[in-house]
């Protein structure tokens, strides 16, 4: 597959709690290329650091990448940071 590249802010899944699962929203124009609004495994890089993670529906027609603490540490980002994301494989 052609790499899917975009820039996204890392945010809490539930911003009201200001804790828990962190995600990066995937721009709508890339959702179909990734396979639609469904949960699945993906691999790529975030902030230049390689990852293996999941994408999942995030409500309101959005798809989000799950961003673990290890991914944030490797990429040198935190919740609230905007970063470059590249998805290189799906499934």
PDB file of N, CA and C in Angstrom:
ATOM      1  N   UNK A   1       0.836  -1.187   0.000  1.00  0.00           N
ATOM      2  CA  UNK A   1       0.000   0.000   0.000  1.00  0.00           C
ATOM      3  C   UNK A   1       0.878   1.246   0.000  1.00  0.00           C
ATOM      4  N   UNK A   2       0.364   2.291  -0.571  1.00  0.00           N
ATOM      5  CA  UNK A   2       1.034   3.590  -0.520  1.00  0.00           C
ATOM      6  C   UNK A   2       0.940   4.125   0.906  1.00  0.00           C
ATOM      7  N   UNK A   3       2.030   4.647   1.453  1.00  0.00           N
ATOM      8  CA  UNK A   3       1.947   5.220   2.811  1.00  0.00           C
ATOM      9  C   UNK A   3       0.910   6.344   2.875  1.00  0.00           C
ATOM     10  N   UNK A   4       0.203   6.386   3.972  1.00  0.00           N
ATOM     11  CA  UNK A   4      -0.781   7.439   4.232  1.00  0.00           C
ATOM     12  C   UNK A   4      -0.145   8.395   5.227  1.00  0.00           C
ATOM     13  N   UNK A   5       0.019   9.641   4.830  1.00  0.00           N
ATOM     14  CA  UNK A   5       0.696  10.631   5.681  1.00  0.00           C
ATOM     15  C   UNK A   5      -0.259  11.763   6.034  1.00  0.00           C
ATOM     16  N   UNK A   6      -0.180  12.173   7.288  1.00  0.00           N
ATOM     17  CA  UNK A   6      -0.995  13.299   7.740  1.00  0.00           C
ATOM     18  C   UNK A   6      -0.403  13.855   9.027  1.00  0.00           C
ATOM     19  N   UNK A   7      -0.886  14.983   9.423  1.00  0.00           N
ATOM     20  CA  UNK A   7      -0.485  15.624  10.680  1.00  0.00           C
ATOM     21  C   UNK A   7      -1.713  15.632  11.585  1.00  0.00           C
ATOM     22  N   UNK A   8      -1.517  15.293  12.848  1.00  0.00           N
ATOM     23  CA  UNK A   8      -2.642  15.217  13.776  1.00  0.00           C
ATOM     24  C   UNK A   8      -2.181  15.560  15.183  1.00  0.00           C
ATOM     25  N   UNK A   9      -3.107  16.066  15.964  1.00  0.00           N
ATOM     26  CA  UNK A   9      -2.836  16.336  17.382  1.00  0.00           C
ATOM     27  C   UNK A   9      -3.169  15.085  18.191  1.00  0.00           C
ATOM     28  N   UNK A  10      -2.344  14.792  19.174  1.00  0.00           N
ATOM     29  CA  UNK A  10      -2.621  13.700  20.103  1.00  0.00           C
ATOM     30  C   UNK A  10      -3.572  14.260  21.151  1.00  0.00           C
ATOM     31  N   UNK A  11      -4.665  13.534  21.389  1.00  0.00           N
ATOM     32  CA  UNK A  11      -5.669  13.995  22.348  1.00  0.00           C
ATOM     33  C   UNK A  11      -6.136  12.815  23.184  1.00  0.00           C
ATOM     34  N   UNK A  12      -6.760  13.123  24.311  1.00  0.00           N
ATOM     35  CA  UNK A  12      -7.389  12.069  25.102  1.00  0.00           C
ATOM     36  C   UNK A  12      -8.673  11.635  24.413  1.00  0.00           C
ATOM     37  N   UNK A  13      -8.938  10.324  24.455  1.00  0.00           N
ATOM     38  CA  UNK A  13     -10.173   9.788  23.883  1.00  0.00           C
ATOM     39  C   UNK A  13     -11.369  10.498  24.512  1.00  0.00           C
ATOM     40  N   UNK A  14     -11.321  10.629  25.821  1.00  0.00           N
ATOM     41  CA  UNK A  14     -12.385  11.302  26.557  1.00  0.00           C
ATOM     42  C   UNK A  14     -11.780  12.559  27.166  1.00  0.00           C
ATOM     43  N   UNK A  15     -11.805  13.683  26.456  1.00  0.00           N
ATOM     44  CA  UNK A  15     -11.111  14.888  26.915  1.00  0.00           C
ATOM     45  C   UNK A  15     -11.591  15.419  28.267  1.00  0.00           C
ATOM     46  N   UNK A  16     -12.820  15.128  28.651  1.00  0.00           N
ATOM     47  CA  UNK A  16     -13.334  15.619  29.924  1.00  0.00           C
ATOM     48  C   UNK A  16     -12.568  15.026  31.104  1.00  0.00           C
ATOM     49  N   UNK A  17     -12.072  13.802  30.957  1.00  0.00           N
ATOM     50  CA  UNK A  17     -11.349  13.141  32.045  1.00  0.00           C
ATOM     51  C   UNK A  17      -9.890  13.578  32.109  1.00  0.00           C
ATOM     52  N   UNK A  18      -9.345  14.071  31.019  1.00  0.00           N
ATOM     53  CA  UNK A  18      -7.941  14.464  30.930  1.00  0.00           C
ATOM     54  C   UNK A  18      -6.997  13.360  31.384  1.00  0.00           C
ATOM     55  N   UNK A  19      -7.355  12.123  31.045  1.00  0.00           N
ATOM     56  CA  UNK A  19      -6.503  10.971  31.333  1.00  0.00           C
ATOM     57  C   UNK A  19      -6.996   9.795  30.499  1.00  0.00           C
ATOM     58  N   UNK A  20      -6.262   8.706  30.561  1.00  0.00           N
ATOM     59  CA  UNK A  20      -6.680   7.494  29.871  1.00  0.00           C
ATOM     60  C   UNK A  20      -6.124   7.394  28.468  1.00  0.00           C
ATOM     61  N   UNK A  21      -6.870   6.727  27.609  1.00  0.00           N
ATOM     62  CA  UNK A  21      -6.456   6.434  26.245  1.00  0.00           C
ATOM     63  C   UNK A  21      -6.184   7.708  25.454  1.00  0.00           C
ATOM     64  N   UNK A  22      -5.037   7.718  24.762  1.00  0.00           N
ATOM     65  CA  UNK A  22      -4.696   8.823  23.875  1.00  0.00           C
ATOM     66  C   UNK A  22      -4.873   8.358  22.425  1.00  0.00           C
ATOM     67  N   UNK A  23      -5.325   9.267  21.579  1.00  0.00           N
ATOM     68  CA  UNK A  23      -5.551   8.959  20.169  1.00  0.00           C
ATOM     69  C   UNK A  23      -5.104  10.126  19.302  1.00  0.00           C
ATOM     70  N   UNK A  24      -4.945   9.825  18.012  1.00  0.00           N
ATOM     71  CA  UNK A  24      -4.699  10.847  17.000  1.00  0.00           C
ATOM     72  C   UNK A  24      -5.758  10.648  15.930  1.00  0.00           C
ATOM     73  N   UNK A  25      -6.561  11.671  15.664  1.00  0.00           N
ATOM     74  CA  UNK A  25      -7.623  11.556  14.667  1.00  0.00           C
ATOM     75  C   UNK A  25      -7.025  11.476  13.267  1.00  0.00           C
ATOM     76  N   UNK A  26      -7.613  10.605  12.448  1.00  0.00           N
ATOM     77  CA  UNK A  26      -7.186  10.425  11.072  1.00  0.00           C
ATOM     78  C   UNK A  26      -8.092  11.282  10.192  1.00  0.00           C
ATOM     79  N   UNK A  27      -7.516  12.121   9.332  1.00  0.00           N
ATOM     80  CA  UNK A  27      -8.344  12.977   8.469  1.00  0.00           C
ATOM     81  C   UNK A  27      -9.314  12.144   7.615  1.00  0.00           C
ATOM     82  N   UNK A  28     -10.512  12.680   7.431  1.00  0.00           N
ATOM     83  CA  UNK A  28     -11.582  11.972   6.717  1.00  0.00           C
ATOM     84  C   UNK A  28     -11.157  11.479   5.339  1.00  0.00           C
ATOM     85  N   UNK A  29     -10.292  12.221   4.650  1.00  0.00           N
ATOM     86  CA  UNK A  29      -9.908  11.815   3.294  1.00  0.00           C
ATOM     87  C   UNK A  29      -9.081  10.522   3.266  1.00  0.00           C
ATOM     88  N   UNK A  30      -8.594  10.059   4.422  1.00  0.00           N
ATOM     89  CA  UNK A  30      -7.793   8.828   4.471  1.00  0.00           C
ATOM     90  C   UNK A  30      -8.569   7.625   4.999  1.00  0.00           C
ATOM     91  N   UNK A  31      -9.758   7.828   5.511  1.00  0.00           N
ATOM     92  CA  UNK A  31     -10.517   6.741   6.143  1.00  0.00           C
ATOM     93  C   UNK A  31     -10.784   5.602   5.167  1.00  0.00           C
ATOM     94  N   UNK A  32     -11.218   5.886   3.961  1.00  0.00           N
ATOM     95  CA  UNK A  32     -11.503   4.828   2.982  1.00  0.00           C
ATOM     96  C   UNK A  32     -10.245   4.042   2.629  1.00  0.00           C
ATOM     97  N   UNK A  33      -9.116   4.709   2.492  1.00  0.00           N
ATOM     98  CA  UNK A  33      -7.848   4.040   2.153  1.00  0.00           C
ATOM     99  C   UNK A  33      -7.413   3.056   3.228  1.00  0.00           C
ATOM    100  N   UNK A  34      -7.767   3.358   4.464  1.00  0.00           N
ATOM    101  CA  UNK A  34      -7.398   2.495   5.592  1.00  0.00           C
ATOM    102  C   UNK A  34      -8.375   1.333   5.729  1.00  0.00           C
ATOM    103  N   UNK A  35      -9.543   1.432   5.125  1.00  0.00           N
ATOM    104  CA  UNK A  35     -10.503   0.339   5.181  1.00  0.00           C
ATOM    105  C   UNK A  35     -11.837   0.712   5.785  1.00  0.00           C
ATOM    106  N   UNK A  36     -12.057   1.996   6.020  1.00  0.00           N
ATOM    107  CA  UNK A  36     -13.343   2.442   6.539  1.00  0.00           C
ATOM    108  C   UNK A  36     -13.362   2.559   8.049  1.00  0.00           C
ATOM    109  N   UNK A  37     -14.550   2.776   8.556  1.00  0.00           N
ATOM    110  CA  UNK A  37     -14.746   3.006   9.991  1.00  0.00           C
ATOM    111  C   UNK A  37     -14.868   1.684  10.737  1.00  0.00           C
ATOM    112  N   UNK A  38     -13.737   0.998  10.875  1.00  0.00           N
ATOM    113  CA  UNK A  38     -13.729  -0.247  11.637  1.00  0.00           C
ATOM    114  C   UNK A  38     -12.399  -0.382  12.368  1.00  0.00           C
ATOM    115  N   UNK A  39     -12.407  -1.171  13.433  1.00  0.00           N
ATOM    116  CA  UNK A  39     -11.188  -1.384  14.199  1.00  0.00           C
ATOM    117  C   UNK A  39     -10.304  -2.362  13.456  1.00  0.00           C
ATOM    118  N   UNK A  40      -9.012  -2.026  13.357  1.00  0.00           N
ATOM    119  CA  UNK A  40      -8.054  -2.924  12.725  1.00  0.00           C
ATOM    120  C   UNK A  40      -6.630  -2.540  13.100  1.00  0.00           C
ATOM    121  N   UNK A  41      -5.718  -3.470  12.882  1.00  0.00           N
ATOM    122  CA  UNK A  41      -4.302  -3.244  13.182  1.00  0.00           C
ATOM    123  C   UNK A  41      -3.679  -2.402  12.078  1.00  0.00           C
ATOM    124  N   UNK A  42      -2.753  -1.538  12.462  1.00  0.00           N
ATOM    125  CA  UNK A  42      -1.986  -0.744  11.509  1.00  0.00           C
ATOM    126  C   UNK A  42      -0.544  -0.649  12.009  1.00  0.00           C
ATOM    127  N   UNK A  43       0.359  -0.307  11.104  1.00  0.00           N
ATOM    128  CA  UNK A  43       1.751  -0.064  11.465  1.00  0.00           C
ATOM    129  C   UNK A  43       2.214   1.167  10.716  1.00  0.00           C
ATOM    130  N   UNK A  44       3.244   1.798  11.226  1.00  0.00           N
ATOM    131  CA  UNK A  44       3.769   2.984  10.572  1.00  0.00           C
ATOM    132  C   UNK A  44       4.713   3.715  11.483  1.00  0.00           C
ATOM    133  N   UNK A  45       4.652   5.055  11.444  1.00  0.00           N
ATOM    134  CA  UNK A  45       5.502   5.857  12.324  1.00  0.00           C
ATOM    135  C   UNK A  45       4.731   7.081  12.798  1.00  0.00           C
ATOM    136  N   UNK A  46       5.091   7.513  13.981  1.00  0.00           N
ATOM    137  CA  UNK A  46       4.532   8.733  14.555  1.00  0.00           C
ATOM    138  C   UNK A  46       5.717   9.555  15.050  1.00  0.00           C
ATOM    139  N   UNK A  47       5.819  10.766  14.573  1.00  0.00           N
ATOM    140  CA  UNK A  47       6.955  11.604  14.938  1.00  0.00           C
ATOM    141  C   UNK A  47       8.281  10.959  14.578  1.00  0.00           C
ATOM    142  N   UNK A  48       8.285  10.113  13.552  1.00  0.00           N
ATOM    143  CA  UNK A  48       9.492   9.427  13.112  1.00  0.00           C
ATOM    144  C   UNK A  48       9.775   8.116  13.823  1.00  0.00           C
ATOM    145  N   UNK A  49       9.020   7.778  14.876  1.00  0.00           N
ATOM    146  CA  UNK A  49       9.215   6.532  15.626  1.00  0.00           C
ATOM    147  C   UNK A  49       8.233   5.476  15.131  1.00  0.00           C
ATOM    148  N   UNK A  50       8.734   4.288  14.826  1.00  0.00           N
ATOM    149  CA  UNK A  50       7.882   3.214  14.310  1.00  0.00           C
ATOM    150  C   UNK A  50       6.910   2.723  15.375  1.00  0.00           C
ATOM    151  N   UNK A  51       5.736   2.269  14.915  1.00  0.00           N
ATOM    152  CA  UNK A  51       4.728   1.736  15.826  1.00  0.00           C
ATOM    153  C   UNK A  51       3.937   0.620  15.166  1.00  0.00           C
ATOM    154  N   UNK A  52       3.271  -0.147  16.010  1.00  0.00           N
ATOM    155  CA  UNK A  52       2.238  -1.090  15.624  1.00  0.00           C
ATOM    156  C   UNK A  52       1.102  -0.808  16.594  1.00  0.00           C
ATOM    157  N   UNK A  53      -0.102  -0.520  16.072  1.00  0.00           N
ATOM    158  CA  UNK A  53      -1.209  -0.116  16.933  1.00  0.00           C
ATOM    159  C   UNK A  53      -2.533  -0.478  16.272  1.00  0.00           C
ATOM    160  N   UNK A  54      -3.599   0.161  16.721  1.00  0.00           N
ATOM    161  CA  UNK A  54      -4.937  -0.046  16.179  1.00  0.00           C
ATOM    162  C   UNK A  54      -5.552   1.286  15.770  1.00  0.00           C
ATOM    163  N   UNK A  55      -6.438   1.212  14.782  1.00  0.00           N
ATOM    164  CA  UNK A  55      -7.329   2.327  14.503  1.00  0.00           C
ATOM    165  C   UNK A  55      -8.719   1.877  14.909  1.00  0.00           C
ATOM    166  N   UNK A  56      -9.565   2.836  15.265  1.00  0.00           N
ATOM    167  CA  UNK A  56     -10.914   2.493  15.727  1.00  0.00           C
ATOM    168  C   UNK A  56     -11.866   3.640  15.449  1.00  0.00           C
ATOM    169  N   UNK A  57     -13.154   3.329  15.261  1.00  0.00           N
ATOM    170  CA  UNK A  57     -14.131   4.400  15.090  1.00  0.00           C
ATOM    171  C   UNK A  57     -14.151   5.286  16.340  1.00  0.00           C
ATOM    172  N   UNK A  58     -14.219   6.598  16.114  1.00  0.00           N
ATOM    173  CA  UNK A  58     -14.178   7.546  17.237  1.00  0.00           C
ATOM    174  C   UNK A  58     -15.451   8.369  17.329  1.00  0.00           C
ATOM    175  N   UNK A  59     -16.531   7.924  16.700  1.00  0.00           N
ATOM    176  CA  UNK A  59     -17.799   8.641  16.747  1.00  0.00           C
ATOM    177  C   UNK A  59     -17.833   9.794  15.764  1.00  0.00           C
ATOM    178  N   UNK A  60     -19.010  10.139  15.319  1.00  0.00           N
ATOM    179  CA  UNK A  60     -19.180  11.267  14.411  1.00  0.00           C
ATOM    180  C   UNK A  60     -18.510  11.061  13.060  1.00  0.00           C
ATOM    181  N   UNK A  61     -18.370   9.797  12.622  1.00  0.00           N
ATOM    182  CA  UNK A  61     -17.748   9.513  11.338  1.00  0.00           C
ATOM    183  C   UNK A  61     -16.237   9.645  11.340  1.00  0.00           C
ATOM    184  N   UNK A  62     -15.631   9.648  12.539  1.00  0.00           N
ATOM    185  CA  UNK A  62     -14.176   9.786  12.651  1.00  0.00           C
ATOM    186  C   UNK A  62     -13.515   8.437  12.911  1.00  0.00           C
ATOM    187  N   UNK A  63     -12.257   8.334  12.484  1.00  0.00           N
ATOM    188  CA  UNK A  63     -11.414   7.185  12.765  1.00  0.00           C
ATOM    189  C   UNK A  63     -10.206   7.712  13.530  1.00  0.00           C
ATOM    190  N   UNK A  64      -9.767   6.980  14.558  1.00  0.00           N
ATOM    191  CA  UNK A  64      -8.656   7.446  15.385  1.00  0.00           C
ATOM    192  C   UNK A  64      -7.613   6.353  15.551  1.00  0.00           C
ATOM    193  N   UNK A  65      -6.365   6.773  15.638  1.00  0.00           N
ATOM    194  CA  UNK A  65      -5.240   5.892  15.907  1.00  0.00           C
ATOM    195  C   UNK A  65      -5.002   5.870  17.415  1.00  0.00           C
ATOM    196  N   UNK A  66      -4.934   4.684  18.001  1.00  0.00           N
ATOM    197  CA  UNK A  66      -4.611   4.558  19.418  1.00  0.00           C
ATOM    198  C   UNK A  66      -3.125   4.858  19.597  1.00  0.00           C
ATOM    199  N   UNK A  67      -2.801   5.777  20.505  1.00  0.00           N
ATOM    200  CA  UNK A  67      -1.424   6.206  20.740  1.00  0.00           C
ATOM    201  C   UNK A  67      -1.041   5.842  22.180  1.00  0.00           C
ATOM    202  N   UNK A  68      -0.207   4.832  22.319  1.00  0.00           N
ATOM    203  CA  UNK A  68       0.192   4.370  23.649  1.00  0.00           C
ATOM    204  C   UNK A  68       1.226   5.304  24.270  1.00  0.00           C
ATOM    205  N   UNK A  69       1.427   5.149  25.578  1.00  0.00           N
ATOM    206  CA  UNK A  69       2.451   5.934  26.262  1.00  0.00           C
ATOM    207  C   UNK A  69       3.830   5.639  25.680  1.00  0.00           C
ATOM    208  N   UNK A  70       4.074   4.367  25.324  1.00  0.00           N
ATOM    209  CA  UNK A  70       5.363   3.997  24.726  1.00  0.00           C
ATOM    210  C   UNK A  70       5.555   4.684  23.376  1.00  0.00           C
ATOM    211  N   UNK A  71       4.488   4.766  22.587  1.00  0.00           N
ATOM    212  CA  UNK A  71       4.566   5.465  21.302  1.00  0.00           C
ATOM    213  C   UNK A  71       4.880   6.940  21.511  1.00  0.00           C
ATOM    214  N   UNK A  72       4.201   7.562  22.481  1.00  0.00           N
ATOM    215  CA  UNK A  72       4.454   8.986  22.751  1.00  0.00           C
ATOM    216  C   UNK A  72       5.892   9.207  23.202  1.00  0.00           C
ATOM    217  N   UNK A  73       6.383   8.333  24.070  1.00  0.00           N
ATOM    218  CA  UNK A  73       7.752   8.479  24.566  1.00  0.00           C
ATOM    219  C   UNK A  73       8.754   8.344  23.424  1.00  0.00           C
ATOM    220  N   UNK A  74       8.584   7.319  22.577  1.00  0.00           N
ATOM    221  CA  UNK A  74       9.496   7.105  21.446  1.00  0.00           C
ATOM    222  C   UNK A  74       9.485   8.273  20.477  1.00  0.00           C
ATOM    223  N   UNK A  75       8.303   8.864  20.278  1.00  0.00           N
ATOM    224  CA  UNK A  75       8.156   9.962  19.321  1.00  0.00           C
ATOM    225  C   UNK A  75       8.490  11.323  19.934  1.00  0.00           C
ATOM    226  N   UNK A  76       8.616  11.368  21.257  1.00  0.00           N
ATOM    227  CA  UNK A  76       8.881  12.642  21.929  1.00  0.00           C
ATOM    228  C   UNK A  76       7.701  13.592  21.873  1.00  0.00           C
ATOM    229  N   UNK A  77       6.484  13.015  21.957  1.00  0.00           N
ATOM    230  CA  UNK A  77       5.267  13.834  21.946  1.00  0.00           C
ATOM    231  C   UNK A  77       4.460  13.558  23.205  1.00  0.00           C
ATOM    232  N   UNK A  78       3.491  14.420  23.453  1.00  0.00           N
ATOM    233  CA  UNK A  78       2.596  14.276  24.598  1.00  0.00           C
ATOM    234  C   UNK A  78       1.184  14.626  24.144  1.00  0.00           C
ATOM    235  N   UNK A  79       0.216  14.357  24.998  1.00  0.00           N
ATOM    236  CA  UNK A  79      -1.147  14.774  24.699  1.00  0.00           C
ATOM    237  C   UNK A  79      -1.128  16.287  24.494  1.00  0.00           C
ATOM    238  N   UNK A  80      -1.727  16.727  23.407  1.00  0.00           N
ATOM    239  CA  UNK A  80      -1.737  18.136  23.049  1.00  0.00           C
ATOM    240  C   UNK A  80      -0.718  18.472  21.964  1.00  0.00           C
ATOM    241  N   UNK A  81       0.246  17.579  21.740  1.00  0.00           N
ATOM    242  CA  UNK A  81       1.252  17.802  20.692  1.00  0.00           C
ATOM    243  C   UNK A  81       0.674  17.490  19.325  1.00  0.00           C
ATOM    244  N   UNK A  82       1.085  18.253  18.333  1.00  0.00           N
ATOM    245  CA  UNK A  82       0.753  17.946  16.951  1.00  0.00           C
ATOM    246  C   UNK A  82       1.961  17.231  16.360  1.00  0.00           C
ATOM    247  N   UNK A  83       1.727  16.165  15.609  1.00  0.00           N
ATOM    248  CA  UNK A  83       2.827  15.356  15.106  1.00  0.00           C
ATOM    249  C   UNK A  83       2.511  14.783  13.725  1.00  0.00           C
ATOM    250  N   UNK A  84       3.561  14.393  13.027  1.00  0.00           N
ATOM    251  CA  UNK A  84       3.405  13.734  11.730  1.00  0.00           C
ATOM    252  C   UNK A  84       3.159  12.253  11.961  1.00  0.00           C
ATOM    253  N   UNK A  85       2.192  11.709  11.200  1.00  0.00           N
ATOM    254  CA  UNK A  85       1.844  10.297  11.287  1.00  0.00           C
ATOM    255  C   UNK A  85       1.936   9.696   9.894  1.00  0.00           C
ATOM    256  N   UNK A  86       2.477   8.496   9.808  1.00  0.00           N
ATOM    257  CA  UNK A  86       2.524   7.761   8.549  1.00  0.00           C
ATOM    258  C   UNK A  86       2.048   6.345   8.818  1.00  0.00           C
ATOM    259  N   UNK A  87       1.042   5.910   8.087  1.00  0.00           N
ATOM    260  CA  UNK A  87       0.547   4.533   8.196  1.00  0.00           C
ATOM    261  C   UNK A  87       1.038   3.802   6.947  1.00  0.00           C
ATOM    262  N   UNK A  88       1.790   2.709   7.177  1.00  0.00           N
ATOM    263  CA  UNK A  88       2.403   1.992   6.065  1.00  0.00           C
ATOM    264  C   UNK A  88       1.777   0.630   5.789  1.00  0.00           C
ATOM    265  N   UNK A  89       1.037   0.084   6.762  1.00  0.00           N
ATOM    266  CA  UNK A  89       0.349  -1.187   6.512  1.00  0.00           C
ATOM    267  C   UNK A  89      -0.906  -1.270   7.356  1.00  0.00           C
ATOM    268  N   UNK A  90      -1.882  -1.996   6.819  1.00  0.00           N
ATOM    269  CA  UNK A  90      -3.166  -2.187   7.482  1.00  0.00           C
ATOM    270  C   UNK A  90      -3.433  -3.679   7.520  1.00  0.00           C
ATOM    271  N   UNK A  91      -3.927  -4.156   8.675  1.00  0.00           N
ATOM    272  CA  UNK A  91      -4.305  -5.559   8.786  1.00  0.00           C
ATOM    273  C   UNK A  91      -3.249  -6.407   9.438  1.00  0.00           C
TER     274      UNK A  91
END
